[in-house]
PDB file of N, CA and C in Angstrom:
ATOM      1  N   MET A   1      45.095  62.436 114.957  1.00  0.00           N
ATOM      2  CA  MET A   1      46.572  62.054 114.557  1.00  0.00           C
ATOM      3  C   MET A   1      46.373  61.037 115.326  1.00  0.00           C
ATOM      4  N   ILE A   2      46.678  59.603 114.682  1.00  0.00           N
ATOM      5  CA  ILE A   2      47.179  58.554 115.560  1.00  0.00           C
ATOM      6  C   ILE A   2      48.482  57.826 114.561  1.00  0.00           C
ATOM      7  N   ALA A   3      49.078  57.092 115.866  1.00  0.00           N
ATOM      8  CA  ALA A   3      50.454  56.490 115.185  1.00  0.00           C
ATOM      9  C   ALA A   3      50.161  54.944 115.751  1.00  0.00           C
ATOM     10  N   ILE A   4      50.528  54.094 115.093  1.00  0.00           N
ATOM     11  CA  ILE A   4      50.530  52.880 115.405  1.00  0.00           C
ATOM     12  C   ILE A   4      52.029  52.213 115.577  1.00  0.00           C
ATOM     13  N   LEU A   5      52.327  51.829 116.610  1.00  0.00           N
ATOM     14  CA  LEU A   5      53.308  50.894 116.660  1.00  0.00           C
ATOM     15  C   LEU A   5      53.511  49.551 116.764  1.00  0.00           C
ATOM     16  N   GLY A   6      53.914  48.781 115.565  1.00  0.00           N
ATOM     17  CA  GLY A   6      53.977  47.430 115.994  1.00  0.00           C
ATOM     18  C   GLY A   6      55.515  46.755 116.351  1.00  0.00           C
ATOM     19  N   ASP A   7      55.668  45.440 116.749  1.00  0.00           N
ATOM     20  CA  ASP A   7      57.262  45.075 117.025  1.00  0.00           C
ATOM     21  C   ASP A   7      57.006  43.888 115.809  1.00  0.00           C
ATOM     22  N   GLY A   8      56.186  43.378 115.153  1.00  0.00           N
ATOM     23  CA  GLY A   8      56.353  42.155 114.234  1.00  0.00           C
ATOM     24  C   GLY A   8      55.840  41.400 114.898  1.00  0.00           C
ATOM     25  N   ALA A   9      55.642  41.032 116.135  1.00  0.00           N
ATOM     26  CA  ALA A   9      55.698  39.873 116.880  1.00  0.00           C
ATOM     27  C   ALA A   9      54.096  39.375 117.423  1.00  0.00           C
ATOM     28  N   GLY A  10      53.295  40.621 116.932  1.00  0.00           N
ATOM     29  CA  GLY A  10      51.803  41.129 117.976  1.00  0.00           C
ATOM     30  C   GLY A  10      51.724  41.731 118.436  1.00  0.00           C
ATOM     31  N   PHE A  11      52.689  42.770 119.594  1.00  0.00           N
ATOM     32  CA  PHE A  11      52.462  43.657 120.131  1.00  0.00           C
ATOM     33  C   PHE A  11      52.027  44.777 119.111  1.00  0.00           C
ATOM     34  N   VAL A  12      51.164  45.748 119.306  1.00  0.00           N
ATOM     35  CA  VAL A  12      50.616  46.735 118.752  1.00  0.00           C
ATOM     36  C   VAL A  12      50.281  47.831 119.820  1.00  0.00           C
ATOM     37  N   LEU A  13      50.725  49.087 119.705  1.00  0.00           N
ATOM     38  CA  LEU A  13      50.734  50.059 120.844  1.00  0.00           C
ATOM     39  C   LEU A  13      49.905  51.223 119.745  1.00  0.00           C
ATOM     40  N   VAL A  14      48.462  51.751 119.820  1.00  0.00           N
ATOM     41  CA  VAL A  14      47.890  52.694 119.185  1.00  0.00           C
ATOM     42  C   VAL A  14      47.974  54.119 119.909  1.00  0.00           C
ATOM     43  N   LEU A  15      48.615  55.084 119.566  1.00  0.00           N
ATOM     44  CA  LEU A  15      48.617  56.518 120.354  1.00  0.00           C
ATOM     45  C   LEU A  15      47.904  57.178 119.093  1.00  0.00           C
ATOM     46  N   GLN A  16      46.466  58.028 119.904  1.00  0.00           N
ATOM     47  CA  GLN A  16      45.668  58.462 119.152  1.00  0.00           C
ATOM     48  C   GLN A  16      45.257  59.923 119.938  1.00  0.00           C
ATOM     49  N   ARG A  17      45.343  61.130 119.395  1.00  0.00           N
ATOM     50  CA  ARG A  17      45.328  62.358 119.939  1.00  0.00           C
ATOM     51  C   ARG A  17      43.931  63.184 119.053  1.00  0.00           C
ATOM     52  N   ARG A  18      43.130  63.665 119.207  1.00  0.00           N
ATOM     53  CA  ARG A  18      41.761  64.153 118.597  1.00  0.00           C
ATOM     54  C   ARG A  18      41.672  65.287 118.482  1.00  0.00           C
ATOM     55  N   GLU A  19      42.563  66.210 119.576  1.00  0.00           N
ATOM     56  CA  GLU A  19      43.211  67.752 119.525  1.00  0.00           C
ATOM     57  C   GLU A  19      44.313  67.947 119.402  1.00  0.00           C
ATOM     58  N   ALA A  20      44.659  69.170 119.375  1.00  0.00           N
ATOM     59  CA  ALA A  20      45.712  69.988 119.838  1.00  0.00           C
ATOM     60  C   ALA A  20      46.022  69.693 121.300  1.00  0.00           C
ATOM     61  N   VAL A  21      47.154  69.139 121.429  1.00  0.00           N
ATOM     62  CA  VAL A  21      47.677  68.953 123.094  1.00  0.00           C
ATOM     63  C   VAL A  21      49.037  69.692 123.211  1.00  0.00           C
ATOM     64  N   ALA A  22      49.230  70.048 124.656  1.00  0.00           N
ATOM     65  CA  ALA A  22      50.655  70.336 124.599  1.00  0.00           C
ATOM     66  C   ALA A  22      50.868  69.292 125.736  1.00  0.00           C
ATOM     67  N   TYR A  23      52.049  68.828 125.473  1.00  0.00           N
ATOM     68  CA  TYR A  23      52.734  67.824 126.912  1.00  0.00           C
ATOM     69  C   TYR A  23      54.070  68.331 127.497  1.00  0.00           C
ATOM     70  N   PRO A  24      53.323  68.239 128.909  1.00  0.00           N
ATOM     71  CA  PRO A  24      54.369  68.964 129.491  1.00  0.00           C
ATOM     72  C   PRO A  24      56.069  68.476 129.110  1.00  0.00           C
ATOM     73  N   GLU A  25      56.906  69.261 129.575  1.00  0.00           N
ATOM     74  CA  GLU A  25      58.558  68.786 129.286  1.00  0.00           C
ATOM     75  C   GLU A  25      58.604  67.202 129.753  1.00  0.00           C
ATOM     76  N   GLY A  26      59.368  66.761 129.214  1.00  0.00           N
ATOM     77  CA  GLY A  26      59.803  65.251 129.736  1.00  0.00           C
ATOM     78  C   GLY A  26      58.721  64.230 129.314  1.00  0.00           C
ATOM     79  N   PHE A  27      57.889  65.013 129.074  1.00  0.00           N
ATOM     80  CA  PHE A  27      56.570  63.837 128.928  1.00  0.00           C
ATOM     81  C   PHE A  27      57.017  62.809 127.981  1.00  0.00           C
ATOM     82  N   HIS A  28      56.972  61.423 128.247  1.00  0.00           N
ATOM     83  CA  HIS A  28      57.072  60.410 127.290  1.00  0.00           C
ATOM     84  C   HIS A  28      56.541  58.610 127.824  1.00  0.00           C
ATOM     85  N   VAL A  29      56.094  57.561 126.678  1.00  0.00           N
ATOM     86  CA  VAL A  29      55.834  56.645 127.023  1.00  0.00           C
ATOM     87  C   VAL A  29      57.041  55.883 127.260  1.00  0.00           C
ATOM     88  N   GLY A  30      57.217  55.032 128.342  1.00  0.00           N
ATOM     89  CA  GLY A  30      58.139  54.298 128.946  1.00  0.00           C
ATOM     90  C   GLY A  30      57.691  52.810 128.881  1.00  0.00           C
ATOM     91  N   PHE A  31      58.253  52.013 128.318  1.00  0.00           N
ATOM     92  CA  PHE A  31      58.287  50.115 128.407  1.00  0.00           C
ATOM     93  C   PHE A  31      59.680  49.920 129.139  1.00  0.00           C
ATOM     94  N   LEU A  32      59.134  49.303 130.363  1.00  0.00           N
ATOM     95  CA  LEU A  32      60.515  48.465 130.985  1.00  0.00           C
ATOM     96  C   LEU A  32      60.685  47.263 130.669  1.00  0.00           C
ATOM     97  N   VAL A  33      61.560  46.892 130.849  1.00  0.00           N
ATOM     98  CA  VAL A  33      62.026  45.480 130.695  1.00  0.00           C
ATOM     99  C   VAL A  33      62.856  44.924 131.620  1.00  0.00           C
ATOM    100  N   ASP A  34      62.836  43.565 131.884  1.00  0.00           N
ATOM    101  CA  ASP A  34      63.752  43.048 132.613  1.00  0.00           C
ATOM    102  C   ASP A  34      65.262  42.549 132.505  1.00  0.00           C
ATOM    103  N   ASP A  35      65.928  42.948 131.555  1.00  0.00           N
ATOM    104  CA  ASP A  35      67.063  42.909 131.032  1.00  0.00           C
ATOM    105  C   ASP A  35      67.922  44.013 130.397  1.00  0.00           C
ATOM    106  N   VAL A  36      69.293  44.262 130.689  1.00  0.00           N
ATOM    107  CA  VAL A  36      69.795  45.571 130.324  1.00  0.00           C
ATOM    108  C   VAL A  36      70.207  45.161 128.828  1.00  0.00           C
ATOM    109  N   ALA A  37      70.463  44.007 128.951  1.00  0.00           N
ATOM    110  CA  ALA A  37      70.934  43.124 127.331  1.00  0.00           C
ATOM    111  C   ALA A  37      69.752  43.451 126.476  1.00  0.00           C
ATOM    112  N   LEU A  38      68.256  44.009 126.638  1.00  0.00           N
ATOM    113  CA  LEU A  38      67.494  44.050 125.615  1.00  0.00           C
ATOM    114  C   LEU A  38      67.337  45.493 125.412  1.00  0.00           C
ATOM    115  N   VAL A  39      68.080  46.519 126.478  1.00  0.00           N
ATOM    116  CA  VAL A  39      67.752  47.795 126.323  1.00  0.00           C
ATOM    117  C   VAL A  39      68.769  47.748 124.639  1.00  0.00           C
ATOM    118  N   HIS A  40      70.202  47.299 125.213  1.00  0.00           N
ATOM    119  CA  HIS A  40      71.094  47.524 123.977  1.00  0.00           C
ATOM    120  C   HIS A  40      70.504  47.080 122.633  1.00  0.00           C
ATOM    121  N   ALA A  41      70.025  45.787 122.711  1.00  0.00           N
ATOM    122  CA  ALA A  41      69.413  44.904 121.555  1.00  0.00           C
ATOM    123  C   ALA A  41      68.405  45.783 121.182  1.00  0.00           C
ATOM    124  N   VAL A  42      67.486  46.639 121.502  1.00  0.00           N
ATOM    125  CA  VAL A  42      66.870  47.407 120.978  1.00  0.00           C
ATOM    126  C   VAL A  42      67.290  48.506 120.440  1.00  0.00           C
ATOM    127  N   HIS A  43      68.414  49.048 120.995  1.00  0.00           N
ATOM    128  CA  HIS A  43      69.226  50.457 120.297  1.00  0.00           C
ATOM    129  C   HIS A  43      69.723  50.281 119.183  1.00  0.00           C
ATOM    130  N   ALA A  44      70.497  48.984 119.271  1.00  0.00           N
ATOM    131  CA  ALA A  44      70.938  48.006 118.086  1.00  0.00           C
ATOM    132  C   ALA A  44      69.904  48.028 116.752  1.00  0.00           C
ATOM    133  N   ARG A  45      68.994  47.527 117.137  1.00  0.00           N
ATOM    134  CA  ARG A  45      67.833  47.584 116.030  1.00  0.00           C
ATOM    135  C   ARG A  45      67.484  48.793 115.566  1.00  0.00           C
ATOM    136  N   ALA A  46      67.199  49.374 116.431  1.00  0.00           N
ATOM    137  CA  ALA A  46      66.732  50.940 116.278  1.00  0.00           C
ATOM    138  C   ALA A  46      68.139  51.768 115.267  1.00  0.00           C
ATOM    139  N   THR A  47      68.831  51.713 115.806  1.00  0.00           N
ATOM    140  CA  THR A  47      70.034  52.340 114.859  1.00  0.00           C
ATOM    141  C   THR A  47      70.427  51.560 113.445  1.00  0.00           C
ATOM    142  N   ALA A  48      70.424  50.119 113.116  1.00  0.00           N
ATOM    143  CA  ALA A  48      70.284  49.621 112.456  1.00  0.00           C
ATOM    144  C   ALA A  48      69.211  49.835 111.037  1.00  0.00           C
ATOM    145  N   ALA A  49      68.339  50.383 111.498  1.00  0.00           N
ATOM    146  CA  ALA A  49      67.211  50.470 110.768  1.00  0.00           C
ATOM    147  C   ALA A  49      66.893  52.121 110.267  1.00  0.00           C
ATOM    148  N   GLY A  50      68.036  52.870 111.143  1.00  0.00           N
ATOM    149  CA  GLY A  50      68.244  54.365 110.741  1.00  0.00           C
ATOM    150  C   GLY A  50      67.070  55.315 111.811  1.00  0.00           C
ATOM    151  N   LEU A  51      66.524  54.643 112.504  1.00  0.00           N
ATOM    152  CA  LEU A  51      66.016  55.553 113.554  1.00  0.00           C
ATOM    153  C   LEU A  51      66.814  56.382 114.368  1.00  0.00           C
ATOM    154  N   PRO A  52      65.763  57.890 114.813  1.00  0.00           N
ATOM    155  CA  PRO A  52      66.635  58.478 115.681  1.00  0.00           C
ATOM    156  C   PRO A  52      66.521  57.930 117.057  1.00  0.00           C
ATOM    157  N   ILE A  53      67.780  57.717 117.690  1.00  0.00           N
ATOM    158  CA  ILE A  53      67.520  56.980 118.966  1.00  0.00           C
ATOM    159  C   ILE A  53      68.562  57.577 119.657  1.00  0.00           C
ATOM    160  N   SER A  54      68.606  57.752 120.866  1.00  0.00           N
ATOM    161  CA  SER A  54      69.562  58.059 122.000  1.00  0.00           C
ATOM    162  C   SER A  54      70.337  57.477 122.292  1.00  0.00           C
ATOM    163  N   PRO A  55      71.890  57.898 122.764  1.00  0.00           N
ATOM    164  CA  PRO A  55      72.779  56.348 123.284  1.00  0.00           C
ATOM    165  C   PRO A  55      71.620  55.896 124.669  1.00  0.00           C
ATOM    166  N   VAL A  56      72.469  54.874 125.126  1.00  0.00           N
ATOM    167  CA  VAL A  56      72.053  54.167 126.194  1.00  0.00           C
ATOM    168  C   VAL A  56      72.806  54.633 127.246  1.00  0.00           C
ATOM    169  N   GLU A  57      71.658  55.076 128.263  1.00  0.00           N
ATOM    170  CA  GLU A  57      72.324  55.817 129.289  1.00  0.00           C
ATOM    171  C   GLU A  57      72.128  55.307 130.537  1.00  0.00           C
ATOM    172  N   THR A  58      72.791  55.004 131.415  1.00  0.00           N
ATOM    173  CA  THR A  58      72.957  53.908 132.720  1.00  0.00           C
ATOM    174  C   THR A  58      73.295  55.217 133.659  1.00  0.00           C
ATOM    175  N   ASP A  59      72.208  54.992 134.888  1.00  0.00           N
ATOM    176  CA  ASP A  59      72.386  55.655 136.088  1.00  0.00           C
ATOM    177  C   ASP A  59      72.250  55.134 136.964  1.00  0.00           C
ATOM    178  N   ASN A  60      71.982  55.313 138.730  1.00  0.00           N
ATOM    179  CA  ASN A  60      71.210  55.166 139.385  1.00  0.00           C
ATOM    180  C   ASN A  60      69.723  54.480 139.571  1.00  0.00           C
ATOM    181  N   ARG A  61      69.405  55.142 138.592  1.00  0.00           N
ATOM    182  CA  ARG A  61      67.915  54.402 138.402  1.00  0.00           C
ATOM    183  C   ARG A  61      67.895  53.319 137.537  1.00  0.00           C
ATOM    184  N   SER A  62      68.230  53.493 136.320  1.00  0.00           N
ATOM    185  CA  SER A  62      68.102  52.532 135.100  1.00  0.00           C
ATOM    186  C   SER A  62      68.893  52.522 134.001  1.00  0.00           C
ATOM    187  N   THR A  63      69.092  51.571 133.236  1.00  0.00           N
ATOM    188  CA  THR A  63      69.246  51.489 131.999  1.00  0.00           C
ATOM    189  C   THR A  63      68.157  51.924 130.803  1.00  0.00           C
ATOM    190  N   ARG A  64      69.048  53.002 129.976  1.00  0.00           N
ATOM    191  CA  ARG A  64      67.746  53.318 129.285  1.00  0.00           C
ATOM    192  C   ARG A  64      68.124  53.720 127.685  1.00  0.00           C
ATOM    193  N   THR A  65      67.087  53.846 126.931  1.00  0.00           N
ATOM    194  CA  THR A  65      67.328  54.682 125.724  1.00  0.00           C
ATOM    195  C   THR A  65      66.139  55.178 125.208  1.00  0.00           C
ATOM    196  N   TYR A  66      65.714  56.321 124.217  1.00  0.00           N
ATOM    197  CA  TYR A  66      64.624  56.959 124.341  1.00  0.00           C
ATOM    198  C   TYR A  66      65.013  57.228 122.479  1.00  0.00           C
ATOM    199  N   CYS A  67      63.683  57.187 122.224  1.00  0.00           N
ATOM    200  CA  CYS A  67      63.602  56.914 120.447  1.00  0.00           C
ATOM    201  C   CYS A  67      62.154  58.179 120.004  1.00  0.00           C
ATOM    202  N   ARG A  68      62.200  58.655 119.293  1.00  0.00           N
ATOM    203  CA  ARG A  68      61.060  59.525 118.787  1.00  0.00           C
ATOM    204  C   ARG A  68      60.369  58.630 117.709  1.00  0.00           C
ATOM    205  N   ALA A  69      59.256  58.484 117.783  1.00  0.00           N
ATOM    206  CA  ALA A  69      57.973  57.541 117.055  1.00  0.00           C
ATOM    207  C   ALA A  69      57.297  58.663 116.406  1.00  0.00           C
ATOM    208  N   PRO A  70      56.511  58.313 115.427  1.00  0.00           N
ATOM    209  CA  PRO A  70      55.831  59.116 114.554  1.00  0.00           C
ATOM    210  C   PRO A  70      55.004  59.832 115.201  1.00  0.00           C
ATOM    211  N   GLU A  71      54.949  61.299 114.886  1.00  0.00           N
ATOM    212  CA  GLU A  71      54.462  62.290 115.128  1.00  0.00           C
ATOM    213  C   GLU A  71      55.002  62.790 116.708  1.00  0.00           C
ATOM    214  N   GLY A  72      56.147  62.388 116.880  1.00  0.00           N
ATOM    215  CA  GLY A  72      57.425  62.989 117.661  1.00  0.00           C
ATOM    216  C   GLY A  72      57.138  62.309 118.929  1.00  0.00           C
ATOM    217  N   TYR A  73      56.422  61.618 119.464  1.00  0.00           N
ATOM    218  CA  TYR A  73      55.971  61.006 120.541  1.00  0.00           C
ATOM    219  C   TYR A  73      57.570  60.505 120.986  1.00  0.00           C
ATOM    220  N   LEU A  74      57.897  60.635 122.361  1.00  0.00           N
ATOM    221  CA  LEU A  74      59.313  60.359 122.481  1.00  0.00           C
ATOM    222  C   LEU A  74      59.011  59.077 123.654  1.00  0.00           C
ATOM    223  N   VAL A  75      59.412  58.136 123.060  1.00  0.00           N
ATOM    224  CA  VAL A  75      59.652  56.472 123.746  1.00  0.00           C
ATOM    225  C   VAL A  75      60.688  56.015 124.329  1.00  0.00           C
ATOM    226  N   GLU A  76      60.672  55.372 125.151  1.00  0.00           N
ATOM    227  CA  GLU A  76      61.690  54.937 126.630  1.00  0.00           C
ATOM    228  C   GLU A  76      61.957  53.378 126.319  1.00  0.00           C
ATOM    229  N   VAL A  77      62.749  53.214 126.173  1.00  0.00           N
ATOM    230  CA  VAL A  77      62.860  51.610 126.636  1.00  0.00           C
ATOM    231  C   VAL A  77      63.987  51.221 127.830  1.00  0.00           C
ATOM    232  N   GLY A  78      63.695  50.833 128.880  1.00  0.00           N
ATOM    233  CA  GLY A  78      64.538  50.757 130.157  1.00  0.00           C
ATOM    234  C   GLY A  78      64.440  49.652 131.329  1.00  0.00           C
ATOM    235  N   CYS A  79      65.464  49.466 131.750  1.00  0.00           N
ATOM    236  CA  CYS A  79      65.476  48.517 132.644  1.00  0.00           C
ATOM    237  C   CYS A  79      65.814  49.136 134.106  1.00  0.00           C
ATOM    238  N   PRO A  80      64.809  49.091 134.976  1.00  0.00           N
ATOM    239  CA  PRO A  80      65.218  49.551 136.291  1.00  0.00           C
ATOM    240  C   PRO A  80      66.300  49.036 136.780  1.00  0.00           C
ATOM    241  N   ARG A  81      66.898  49.879 137.506  1.00  0.00           N
ATOM    242  CA  ARG A  81      68.294  49.217 138.551  1.00  0.00           C
ATOM    243  C   ARG A  81      67.958  48.173 139.426  1.00  0.00           C
ATOM    244  N   VAL A  82      67.895  46.817 139.698  1.00  0.00           N
ATOM    245  CA  VAL A  82      67.482  46.214 140.727  1.00  0.00           C
ATOM    246  C   VAL A  82      68.543  46.511 141.880  1.00  0.00           C
ATOM    247  N   THR A  83      67.755  46.787 142.965  1.00  0.00           N
ATOM    248  CA  THR A  83      68.456  46.798 144.514  1.00  0.00           C
ATOM    249  C   THR A  83      68.283  45.662 145.408  1.00  0.00           C
ATOM    250  N   ALA A  84      68.812  45.924 146.358  1.00  0.00           N
ATOM    251  CA  ALA A  84      68.635  44.747 147.304  1.00  0.00           C
ATOM    252  C   ALA A  84      67.050  44.929 147.719  1.00  0.00           C
ATOM    253  N   SER A  85      66.545  45.956 147.704  1.00  0.00           N
ATOM    254  CA  SER A  85      64.890  46.278 148.239  1.00  0.00           C
ATOM    255  C   SER A  85      63.876  46.147 147.669  1.00  0.00           C
ATOM    256  N   ARG A  86      64.281  45.475 146.056  1.00  0.00           N
ATOM    257  CA  ARG A  86      63.432  45.310 145.100  1.00  0.00           C
ATOM    258  C   ARG A  86      63.644  43.577 144.760  1.00  0.00           C
ATOM    259  N   GLY A  87      64.538  42.876 145.314  1.00  0.00           N
ATOM    260  CA  GLY A  87      64.870  41.740 144.758  1.00  0.00           C
ATOM    261  C   GLY A  87      65.969  41.366 144.104  1.00  0.00           C
TER     262      GLY A  87
END
């Protein structure tokens, strides 16, 4: 099984599995971005494209959204919460 994800701007991510694999509960691929607005933009773009995407969530850790990619991979786009200790 192979899934190839691209953003149309040159970024390509290839996920390949050669044998059956059982992933642990909560396993996902995450992409961290620097701006909460980008999380919302990704959500809007995925929604407009008809993709299955979670609502945008915000808590003490981050603002994020999740989408199921081809073959069921769970993909997160999130912006970590900036704290005084992180800058």
